[in-house]
C-alpha atoms as a PDB file:
ATOM      1  CA  MET A   1       0.274   0.296   0.001  1.00  0.00           C
ATOM      2  CA  GLY A   2       1.081   3.377  -0.879  1.00  0.00           C
ATOM      3  CA  LYS A   3       1.838   6.463   1.703  1.00  0.00           C
ATOM      4  CA  SER A   4      -0.736   8.096   2.722  1.00  0.00           C
ATOM      5  CA  THR A   5      -1.059  12.244   2.011  1.00  0.00           C
ATOM      6  CA  GLY A   6      -0.182  13.829   5.299  1.00  0.00           C
ATOM      7  CA  LYS A   7      -0.717  17.838   6.172  1.00  0.00           C
ATOM      8  CA  GLY A   8       3.370  18.431   4.873  1.00  0.00           C
ATOM      9  CA  ASP A   9       2.728  16.743   1.799  1.00  0.00           C
ATOM     10  CA  SER A  10      -0.530  19.076   1.133  1.00  0.00           C
ATOM     11  CA  ALA A  11       1.043  21.699   2.169  1.00  0.00           C
ATOM     12  CA  ARG A  12       3.772  21.352  -0.599  1.00  0.00           C
ATOM     13  CA  ILE A  13       1.547  20.781  -3.190  1.00  0.00           C
ATOM     14  CA  GLN A  14      -0.779  23.522  -2.410  1.00  0.00           C
ATOM     15  CA  SER A  15       2.386  25.868  -2.295  1.00  0.00           C
ATOM     16  CA  ALA A  16       3.930  24.605  -5.864  1.00  0.00           C
ATOM     17  CA  ALA A  17      -0.195  25.403  -7.283  1.00  0.00           C
ATOM     18  CA  ALA A  18       0.052  28.722  -5.907  1.00  0.00           C
ATOM     19  CA  LYS A  19       3.642  29.683  -7.061  1.00  0.00           C
ATOM     20  CA  ASN A  20       2.664  28.226 -10.186  1.00  0.00           C
ATOM     21  CA  PRO A  21      -1.217  28.584 -10.702  1.00  0.00           C
ATOM     22  CA  ASP A  22      -0.810  27.924 -14.802  1.00  0.00           C
ATOM     23  CA  SER A  23       1.067  24.373 -13.667  1.00  0.00           C
ATOM     24  CA  LYS A  24      -1.436  21.160 -14.434  1.00  0.00           C
ATOM     25  CA  THR A  25      -1.468  20.717 -10.270  1.00  0.00           C
ATOM     26  CA  ALA A  26      -2.999  23.798  -9.546  1.00  0.00           C
ATOM     27  CA  ARG A  27      -5.416  23.502 -13.425  1.00  0.00           C
ATOM     28  CA  ASP A  28      -6.717  19.912 -12.434  1.00  0.00           C
ATOM     29  CA  GLY A  29      -7.434  20.381  -8.324  1.00  0.00           C
ATOM     30  CA  PHE A  30      -4.672  18.864  -7.366  1.00  0.00           C
ATOM     31  CA  ASP A  31      -4.170  20.772  -4.229  1.00  0.00           C
ATOM     32  CA  ARG A  32      -7.759  20.549  -3.172  1.00  0.00           C
ATOM     33  CA  ARG A  33      -7.626  17.025  -3.480  1.00  0.00           C
ATOM     34  CA  ALA A  34      -4.914  16.555  -1.682  1.00  0.00           C
ATOM     35  CA  GLN A  35      -5.896  18.964   1.295  1.00  0.00           C
ATOM     36  CA  SER A  36      -9.020  16.815   1.301  1.00  0.00           C
ATOM     37  CA  ALA A  37      -6.876  13.163   1.664  1.00  0.00           C
ATOM     38  CA  ALA A  38      -4.956  15.161   4.542  1.00  0.00           C
ATOM     39  CA  ASP A  39      -7.664  16.122   6.132  1.00  0.00           C
ATOM     40  CA  LYS A  40      -9.783  12.552   5.800  1.00  0.00           C
ATOM     41  CA  ASN A  41      -5.740  10.574   7.131  1.00  0.00           C
ATOM     42  CA  ALA A  42      -5.519  13.379   9.860  1.00  0.00           C
ATOM     43  CA  HIS A  43      -8.974  12.099  11.087  1.00  0.00           C
ATOM     44  CA  ARG A  44      -8.899   8.344  10.611  1.00  0.00           C
ATOM     45  CA  GLN A  45      -5.740   8.494  12.405  1.00  0.00           C
ATOM     46  CA  SER A  46      -7.123  10.367  15.646  1.00  0.00           C
ATOM     47  CA  ARG A  47      -9.844   7.873  15.907  1.00  0.00           C
ATOM     48  CA  THR A  48      -7.789   5.207  16.141  1.00  0.00           C
ATOM     49  CA  HIS A  49      -5.149   6.716  18.351  1.00  0.00           C
ATOM     50  CA  ARG A  50      -7.564   7.037  21.198  1.00  0.00           C
END
């Protein structure tokens, strides 16, 4: 299984998209999907580490 997207990963992706709004990453919404995945993974981790 692959590595889960974390908050740091999401921040790097969003930063890259903001620096180059014409990039494929920015145009196809990957930055928003990465943020959503990071939020879901953080929530999932908080539920399993109670």
